Amino acid sequence: MILISAHESFYFTKHLILSKKEGVKVETKPQPKVVIFTTPTCSFCNSAKRYFREKNVRFTEVDVTRDQKAAIDMQRRTGQTGVPVILINNRPIVGFDVPKINSMLNIK
């Protein structure tokens, strides 16, 4: 997992990617950019990360206890100091809100 600061820009590319699977071309859409702001002791953060792994959702974790600029940026974006804060294509979700996550990631 790569830790990056939240003040970096996050973009989602809408281009289709052609991949080969067993000799067959399959069109797939790239996954939305998912960033989760966490702390090491946050149980809801751990639940969110586990959920993303179970659903095969790639994400970037930002530990706000190690990155003060990220903590400030998270608070500026959401008005919140608590974690988890999840960004999906730069749109924030405060807390581990499964229905909202599923809606934004088109998970059924």
Foldseek 3Di string as FASTA:
>chain_A
DDADAPVDDAAADQDWDWDADPNDTDTDGDFWAKEWEAAPPDPQSVVLVVVCVVVVHDYHYYDCVVPVNNQVVVCVLPVDNDDTWMQTRHDIDHTNDPVVVCVSRVND
